[in-house]
């Protein structure tokens, strides 16, 4: 099973930016739809963004639309999440995940079968 390792989290002031990375252990990741989720304390894990391997289309949660950008570099087996204009409510542990499908199947975490360990993002002044 593919192994995923996130990095790039940290502490940032409101309005700042961070770029998260997710390195995959196998080249086959390039044919899988990838996604980012997040989980704040005492809240359920929620969908953030997804990138379809089938046609390269992207999906975003309404709360981050226009501020976050998901992308991938298949030559590096790496998925990215560029986060701009960060807000305190973006504070959470961010997880990358891979789907067994090349097409986008929906926002549910049940559509993804491999997860990274998570990276903490804290937005605070």
C-alpha atoms as a PDB file:
ATOM      1  CA  UNK A   1       0.000   0.000   0.000  1.00  0.00           C
ATOM      2  CA  UNK A   2       1.220   3.479  -0.818  1.00  0.00           C
ATOM      3  CA  UNK A   3       2.846   5.361   2.049  1.00  0.00           C
ATOM      4  CA  UNK A   4       2.170   9.094   2.392  1.00  0.00           C
ATOM      5  CA  UNK A   5       4.230  11.585   4.391  1.00  0.00           C
ATOM      6  CA  UNK A   6       3.051  15.156   4.915  1.00  0.00           C
ATOM      7  CA  UNK A   7       5.263  18.112   5.726  1.00  0.00           C
ATOM      8  CA  UNK A   8       5.146  21.899   5.741  1.00  0.00           C
ATOM      9  CA  UNK A   9       2.848  22.581   8.656  1.00  0.00           C
ATOM     10  CA  UNK A  10       3.613  25.110  11.357  1.00  0.00           C
ATOM     11  CA  UNK A  11       2.559  28.287  13.102  1.00  0.00           C
ATOM     12  CA  UNK A  12       1.543  31.239  10.944  1.00  0.00           C
ATOM     13  CA  UNK A  13      -0.156  34.557  11.596  1.00  0.00           C
ATOM     14  CA  UNK A  14      -3.599  35.300  10.204  1.00  0.00           C
ATOM     15  CA  UNK A  15      -3.316  36.368   6.584  1.00  0.00           C
ATOM     16  CA  UNK A  16      -0.137  34.359   6.102  1.00  0.00           C
ATOM     17  CA  UNK A  17       0.640  31.447   3.804  1.00  0.00           C
ATOM     18  CA  UNK A  18       1.912  27.894   4.052  1.00  0.00           C
ATOM     19  CA  UNK A  19       2.551  25.166   1.521  1.00  0.00           C
ATOM     20  CA  UNK A  20       1.942  21.602   2.577  1.00  0.00           C
ATOM     21  CA  UNK A  21       3.621  18.710   0.793  1.00  0.00           C
ATOM     22  CA  UNK A  22       2.688  15.047   0.671  1.00  0.00           C
ATOM     23  CA  UNK A  23       5.306  12.622  -0.604  1.00  0.00           C
ATOM     24  CA  UNK A  24       4.053   9.285  -1.905  1.00  0.00           C
ATOM     25  CA  UNK A  25       6.112   6.118  -1.797  1.00  0.00           C
ATOM     26  CA  UNK A  26       5.171   4.743  -5.167  1.00  0.00           C
ATOM     27  CA  UNK A  27       5.015   5.964  -8.722  1.00  0.00           C
ATOM     28  CA  UNK A  28       1.525   4.499  -9.100  1.00  0.00           C
ATOM     29  CA  UNK A  29       0.239   7.401  -7.041  1.00  0.00           C
ATOM     30  CA  UNK A  30       0.146   9.415 -10.254  1.00  0.00           C
ATOM     31  CA  UNK A  31      -2.902   7.450 -11.462  1.00  0.00           C
ATOM     32  CA  UNK A  32      -4.833   7.927  -8.258  1.00  0.00           C
ATOM     33  CA  UNK A  33      -7.078  10.775  -7.203  1.00  0.00           C
ATOM     34  CA  UNK A  34      -5.501  12.561  -4.247  1.00  0.00           C
ATOM     35  CA  UNK A  35      -7.054  14.699  -1.567  1.00  0.00           C
ATOM     36  CA  UNK A  36      -6.454  16.837   1.482  1.00  0.00           C
ATOM     37  CA  UNK A  37      -8.570  16.654   4.624  1.00  0.00           C
ATOM     38  CA  UNK A  38      -8.285  18.404   7.967  1.00  0.00           C
ATOM     39  CA  UNK A  39      -9.407  17.806  11.514  1.00  0.00           C
ATOM     40  CA  UNK A  40      -9.695  20.482  14.156  1.00  0.00           C
ATOM     41  CA  UNK A  41      -9.851  19.623  17.869  1.00  0.00           C
ATOM     42  CA  UNK A  42     -13.158  18.012  18.839  1.00  0.00           C
ATOM     43  CA  UNK A  43     -14.414  18.205  15.266  1.00  0.00           C
ATOM     44  CA  UNK A  44     -14.909  15.607  12.577  1.00  0.00           C
ATOM     45  CA  UNK A  45     -12.419  15.217   9.749  1.00  0.00           C
ATOM     46  CA  UNK A  46     -13.519  17.357   6.831  1.00  0.00           C
ATOM     47  CA  UNK A  47     -12.772  17.499   3.135  1.00  0.00           C
ATOM     48  CA  UNK A  48     -10.523  20.323   1.953  1.00  0.00           C
ATOM     49  CA  UNK A  49      -9.529  19.657  -1.654  1.00  0.00           C
ATOM     50  CA  UNK A  50      -9.090  16.922  -4.235  1.00  0.00           C
ATOM     51  CA  UNK A  51      -7.302  16.511  -7.529  1.00  0.00           C
ATOM     52  CA  UNK A  52      -8.521  13.936 -10.026  1.00  0.00           C
ATOM     53  CA  UNK A  53      -5.906  11.824 -11.762  1.00  0.00           C
ATOM     54  CA  UNK A  54      -8.345  11.181 -14.601  1.00  0.00           C
ATOM     55  CA  UNK A  55      -8.653  14.702 -15.993  1.00  0.00           C
ATOM     56  CA  UNK A  56      -6.701  16.880 -13.572  1.00  0.00           C
ATOM     57  CA  UNK A  57      -9.840  18.593 -12.318  1.00  0.00           C
ATOM     58  CA  UNK A  58      -9.910  19.995  -8.807  1.00  0.00           C
ATOM     59  CA  UNK A  59     -12.545  20.233  -6.078  1.00  0.00           C
ATOM     60  CA  UNK A  60     -12.517  22.512  -3.065  1.00  0.00           C
ATOM     61  CA  UNK A  61     -14.524  22.909   0.099  1.00  0.00           C
ATOM     62  CA  UNK A  62     -16.515  26.116   0.142  1.00  0.00           C
ATOM     63  CA  UNK A  63     -14.733  27.393   3.239  1.00  0.00           C
ATOM     64  CA  UNK A  64     -11.349  27.498   1.507  1.00  0.00           C
ATOM     65  CA  UNK A  65     -12.385  28.220  -2.069  1.00  0.00           C
ATOM     66  CA  UNK A  66     -10.198  30.895  -3.603  1.00  0.00           C
ATOM     67  CA  UNK A  67      -7.590  30.698  -0.840  1.00  0.00           C
ATOM     68  CA  UNK A  68      -6.160  27.187  -1.197  1.00  0.00           C
ATOM     69  CA  UNK A  69      -4.762  25.485  -4.299  1.00  0.00           C
ATOM     70  CA  UNK A  70      -4.121  21.774  -4.718  1.00  0.00           C
ATOM     71  CA  UNK A  71      -1.516  20.574  -7.183  1.00  0.00           C
ATOM     72  CA  UNK A  72       0.785  17.654  -7.852  1.00  0.00           C
ATOM     73  CA  UNK A  73       4.216  17.019  -9.315  1.00  0.00           C
ATOM     74  CA  UNK A  74       4.177  13.496 -10.693  1.00  0.00           C
ATOM     75  CA  UNK A  75       7.918  13.578 -11.365  1.00  0.00           C
ATOM     76  CA  UNK A  76       8.420  13.923  -7.607  1.00  0.00           C
ATOM     77  CA  UNK A  77       5.465  11.762  -6.505  1.00  0.00           C
ATOM     78  CA  UNK A  78       4.358  14.759  -4.455  1.00  0.00           C
ATOM     79  CA  UNK A  79       1.032  16.448  -3.775  1.00  0.00           C
ATOM     80  CA  UNK A  80       0.854  20.049  -2.596  1.00  0.00           C
ATOM     81  CA  UNK A  81      -1.623  22.325  -0.863  1.00  0.00           C
ATOM     82  CA  UNK A  82      -0.835  26.022  -1.159  1.00  0.00           C
ATOM     83  CA  UNK A  83      -2.712  27.875   1.561  1.00  0.00           C
ATOM     84  CA  UNK A  84      -3.032  31.646   1.381  1.00  0.00           C
ATOM     85  CA  UNK A  85      -4.941  34.211   3.454  1.00  0.00           C
ATOM     86  CA  UNK A  86      -5.008  31.821   6.358  1.00  0.00           C
ATOM     87  CA  UNK A  87      -7.563  32.310   9.099  1.00  0.00           C
ATOM     88  CA  UNK A  88      -7.635  31.080  12.716  1.00  0.00           C
ATOM     89  CA  UNK A  89     -10.447  28.712  11.748  1.00  0.00           C
ATOM     90  CA  UNK A  90      -8.040  26.952   9.374  1.00  0.00           C
ATOM     91  CA  UNK A  91      -6.180  25.626  12.407  1.00  0.00           C
ATOM     92  CA  UNK A  92      -6.219  21.833  12.233  1.00  0.00           C
ATOM     93  CA  UNK A  93      -4.202  18.741  11.520  1.00  0.00           C
ATOM     94  CA  UNK A  94      -4.032  18.363   7.762  1.00  0.00           C
ATOM     95  CA  UNK A  95      -3.960  14.919   6.148  1.00  0.00           C
ATOM     96  CA  UNK A  96      -3.300  13.880   2.587  1.00  0.00           C
ATOM     97  CA  UNK A  97      -5.000  10.809   1.238  1.00  0.00           C
ATOM     98  CA  UNK A  98      -5.076   8.709  -1.885  1.00  0.00           C
ATOM     99  CA  UNK A  99      -8.054   7.089  -3.523  1.00  0.00           C
ATOM    100  CA  UNK A 100      -7.941   3.721  -5.268  1.00  0.00           C
ATOM    101  CA  UNK A 101      -9.679   5.406  -8.196  1.00  0.00           C
ATOM    102  CA  UNK A 102      -8.367   7.637 -10.965  1.00  0.00           C
ATOM    103  CA  UNK A 103     -11.635   9.566 -11.096  1.00  0.00           C
ATOM    104  CA  UNK A 104     -13.047  11.842  -8.416  1.00  0.00           C
ATOM    105  CA  UNK A 105     -15.635   9.910  -6.412  1.00  0.00           C
ATOM    106  CA  UNK A 106     -16.826  12.561  -3.945  1.00  0.00           C
ATOM    107  CA  UNK A 107     -15.841  14.371  -0.771  1.00  0.00           C
ATOM    108  CA  UNK A 108     -16.311  11.516   1.664  1.00  0.00           C
ATOM    109  CA  UNK A 109     -13.245  10.208   3.426  1.00  0.00           C
ATOM    110  CA  UNK A 110     -14.537   6.711   2.698  1.00  0.00           C
ATOM    111  CA  UNK A 111     -13.452   7.224  -0.919  1.00  0.00           C
ATOM    112  CA  UNK A 112      -9.809   7.261   0.189  1.00  0.00           C
ATOM    113  CA  UNK A 113      -7.913   4.205   1.344  1.00  0.00           C
ATOM    114  CA  UNK A 114      -4.466   5.452   2.337  1.00  0.00           C
ATOM    115  CA  UNK A 115      -3.629   8.318   4.673  1.00  0.00           C
ATOM    116  CA  UNK A 116      -0.605  10.198   5.868  1.00  0.00           C
ATOM    117  CA  UNK A 117       0.168  10.820   9.520  1.00  0.00           C
ATOM    118  CA  UNK A 118      -0.922  14.460   9.387  1.00  0.00           C
ATOM    119  CA  UNK A 119       0.798  17.802   9.834  1.00  0.00           C
ATOM    120  CA  UNK A 120      -0.311  20.493  12.275  1.00  0.00           C
ATOM    121  CA  UNK A 121      -1.260  23.928  10.972  1.00  0.00           C
ATOM    122  CA  UNK A 122      -1.841  26.630  13.559  1.00  0.00           C
ATOM    123  CA  UNK A 123      -3.043  30.093  12.562  1.00  0.00           C
ATOM    124  CA  UNK A 124      -2.682  32.515  15.440  1.00  0.00           C
ATOM    125  CA  UNK A 125      -1.328  35.935  16.246  1.00  0.00           C
END
